[in-house]
Amino acid sequence: MAAKDKKKSALISHGTAAQNRKARFDYKIGEVFEAGLVLVGPEVKSLRSGRAALTDAWAGERDGEMWLFNCYIPEWQAGSVVAKFEPRRPRKLLLHKKQVEALSGSITRDGITLVPMELLFNDRGIAKVVLGVGEGKSKADKRHAIAARDWQRDKSRLMRGDKI
């Protein structure tokens, strides 16, 4: 008798669940921290489906604790009515006290923001968010980054022998 093929699950057990791809374009990222998230059960299931978005999210301090604001984690479709949650609710970040003090001190300066760069599941299957201490780029800096990226692409085409 042939072994039955197991259907591969589309859920993420470890690795990246969501990524903010514009973070490095919009901000000069300095220090990077990894923080835990306080989530409810259906949020974890929805996050494992890989449909979360970090594009408008930001992190900040409230009452001496760090929070993740405006992160979109959609409602779990298979959940019951009791297990519904607000998709853009503030979520508490789990950091050491010294990390909270360092981050709150750095974001009090002008132009410094805590940018969530990635939502991931570590090797143990625990949801984490990667935060970068970022300073906003000017339009000229962004134009320079675009020009450098275009030049690298053209240079690789020339090396391959393709026409531009």
Protein backbone atom coordinates (compact mmCIF):
# COMPACT_ATOMS: atom_id res chain seq x y z
CA MET A 1 0.00 0.00 0.00
CA ALA A 2 1.45 3.39 -0.96
CA ALA A 3 1.95 6.01 1.71
CA LYS A 4 -0.52 8.84 1.54
CA ASP A 5 0.91 12.22 0.60
CA LYS A 6 0.51 14.66 3.44
CA LYS A 7 -0.88 18.01 2.45
CA LYS A 8 1.67 20.72 3.23
CA SER A 9 0.34 23.42 5.54
CA ALA A 10 0.43 27.03 4.38
CA LEU A 11 0.98 28.28 7.93
CA ILE A 12 4.34 29.72 8.98
CA SER A 13 5.95 27.82 11.85
CA HIS A 14 9.21 29.80 11.87
CA GLY A 15 10.63 32.57 9.72
CA THR A 16 9.28 35.87 8.44
CA ALA A 17 5.54 36.48 8.77
CA ALA A 18 5.51 40.12 7.61
CA GLN A 19 8.11 42.61 6.45
CA ASN A 20 8.25 46.39 6.15
CA ARG A 21 10.20 46.66 2.91
CA LYS A 22 10.10 50.46 2.77
CA ALA A 23 11.67 50.89 6.22
CA ARG A 24 15.27 50.98 4.99
CA PHE A 25 14.27 53.29 2.13
CA ASP A 26 12.42 55.81 4.30
CA TYR A 27 14.73 55.71 7.35
CA LYS A 28 18.43 55.52 8.21
CA ILE A 29 18.33 52.53 10.53
CA GLY A 30 20.83 52.54 13.39
CA GLU A 31 20.43 50.09 16.24
CA VAL A 32 18.18 47.04 15.84
CA PHE A 33 16.24 45.30 18.64
CA GLU A 34 14.17 42.13 18.74
CA ALA A 35 11.11 42.28 20.98
CA GLY A 36 8.36 39.86 21.92
CA LEU A 37 4.68 40.64 21.34
CA VAL A 38 1.66 40.15 23.57
CA LEU A 39 -0.91 38.51 21.29
CA VAL A 40 -4.19 36.66 21.75
CA GLY A 41 -4.69 33.19 20.26
CA PRO A 42 -6.49 34.12 17.04
CA GLU A 43 -3.89 36.82 16.35
CA VAL A 44 -1.13 34.22 16.40
CA LYS A 45 -3.08 31.99 14.00
CA SER A 46 -3.72 34.92 11.68
CA LEU A 47 -0.06 35.96 11.88
CA ARG A 48 0.99 32.43 10.95
CA SER A 49 -1.08 32.72 7.77
CA GLY A 50 1.30 35.51 6.69
CA ARG A 51 -1.25 38.22 5.95
CA ALA A 52 -0.08 40.86 8.45
CA ALA A 53 1.13 44.32 7.34
CA LEU A 54 3.70 46.63 8.92
CA THR A 55 3.59 49.47 6.39
CA ASP A 56 1.98 52.10 8.65
CA ALA A 57 3.11 50.65 11.97
CA TRP A 58 5.25 52.41 14.53
CA ALA A 59 6.39 51.78 18.08
CA GLY A 60 6.32 54.17 20.99
CA GLU A 61 6.18 54.54 24.74
CA ARG A 62 3.01 54.61 26.83
CA ASP A 63 3.06 54.57 30.65
CA GLY A 64 6.68 53.44 30.81
CA GLU A 65 6.11 50.48 28.45
CA MET A 66 6.77 50.07 24.74
CA TRP A 67 3.80 49.46 22.43
CA LEU A 68 3.37 48.62 18.75
CA PHE A 69 0.75 50.86 17.14
CA ASN A 70 -1.19 50.51 13.89
CA CYS A 71 0.15 47.06 13.00
CA TYR A 72 -2.46 45.27 10.89
CA ILE A 73 -3.12 41.65 11.79
CA PRO A 74 -6.38 40.57 10.10
CA GLU A 75 -9.09 38.70 11.96
CA TRP A 76 -8.80 34.93 11.89
CA GLN A 77 -11.54 33.83 9.51
CA ALA A 78 -12.10 30.42 11.07
CA GLY A 79 -12.47 31.90 14.55
CA SER A 80 -15.66 32.06 16.54
CA VAL A 81 -17.55 35.21 17.43
CA VAL A 82 -16.03 35.14 20.94
CA ALA A 83 -12.47 35.16 19.59
CA LYS A 84 -12.76 38.33 17.48
CA PHE A 85 -10.22 41.11 17.99
CA GLU A 86 -9.46 44.58 16.68
CA PRO A 87 -7.04 44.25 13.70
CA ARG A 88 -5.14 47.50 14.41
CA ARG A 89 -5.18 47.50 18.21
CA PRO A 90 -2.03 48.56 20.13
CA ARG A 91 0.07 45.55 21.12
CA LYS A 92 2.46 45.53 24.05
CA LEU A 93 6.13 44.86 23.30
CA LEU A 94 8.15 42.66 25.63
CA LEU A 95 11.58 44.17 26.28
CA HIS A 96 14.02 44.28 29.16
CA LYS A 97 13.82 47.35 31.39
CA LYS A 98 17.22 48.63 30.22
CA GLN A 99 16.14 48.28 26.58
CA VAL A 100 12.93 50.22 27.29
CA GLU A 101 14.93 53.01 28.96
CA ALA A 102 17.42 53.16 26.09
CA LEU A 103 14.70 53.21 23.44
CA SER A 104 12.55 55.78 25.23
CA GLY A 105 15.62 57.99 25.63
CA SER A 106 16.48 57.72 21.94
CA ILE A 107 12.97 58.43 20.63
CA THR A 108 12.66 61.63 22.69
CA ARG A 109 15.21 63.22 20.34
CA ASP A 110 13.87 65.02 17.29
CA GLY A 111 13.46 62.97 14.12
CA ILE A 112 14.11 59.57 15.75
CA THR A 113 11.45 56.88 15.36
CA LEU A 114 11.10 53.23 16.30
CA VAL A 115 10.35 51.48 13.04
CA PRO A 116 9.01 47.90 13.04
CA MET A 117 10.96 46.20 10.28
CA GLU A 118 9.86 42.58 10.45
CA LEU A 119 7.42 40.25 12.20
CA LEU A 120 8.83 36.77 12.57
CA PHE A 121 8.59 33.48 14.38
CA ASN A 122 11.85 32.37 15.99
CA ASP A 123 13.10 28.77 16.07
CA ARG A 124 10.91 28.05 19.10
CA GLY A 125 7.81 29.34 17.27
CA ILE A 126 7.48 32.54 19.34
CA ALA A 127 6.29 35.72 17.60
CA LYS A 128 8.88 38.51 17.60
CA VAL A 129 9.10 41.95 16.04
CA VAL A 130 12.38 43.47 14.84
CA LEU A 131 12.54 47.18 15.69
CA GLY A 132 15.01 49.62 14.18
CA VAL A 133 15.92 53.00 15.62
CA GLY A 134 15.49 55.13 12.51
CA GLU A 135 16.03 58.71 11.50
CA GLY A 136 13.89 59.94 8.60
CA LYS A 137 15.63 60.46 5.27
CA SER A 138 15.26 63.61 3.23
CA LYS A 139 14.00 63.56 -0.35
CA ALA A 140 17.53 64.13 -1.61
CA ASP A 141 18.78 61.07 0.29
CA LYS A 142 15.99 58.98 -1.19
CA ARG A 143 16.82 60.20 -4.71
CA HIS A 144 20.47 59.33 -4.14
CA ALA A 145 19.48 55.80 -3.00
CA ILE A 146 17.34 55.35 -6.14
CA ALA A 147 20.19 56.54 -8.39
CA ALA A 148 22.66 54.18 -6.69
CA ARG A 149 20.25 51.25 -7.02
CA ASP A 150 19.69 52.02 -10.74
CA TRP A 151 23.44 52.27 -11.33
CA GLN A 152 24.02 48.88 -9.66
CA ARG A 153 21.34 47.31 -11.84
CA ASP A 154 22.81 48.86 -15.01
CA LYS A 155 26.32 47.83 -14.02
CA SER A 156 25.23 44.20 -13.52
CA ARG A 157 23.53 44.26 -16.93
CA LEU A 158 26.73 45.56 -18.55
CA MET A 159 28.77 42.86 -16.85
CA ARG A 160 26.37 40.20 -18.17
CA GLY A 161 26.49 41.73 -21.64
CA ASP A 162 22.80 42.69 -21.83
CA LYS A 163 21.69 45.83 -23.63
CA ILE A 164 20.55 48.70 -21.47
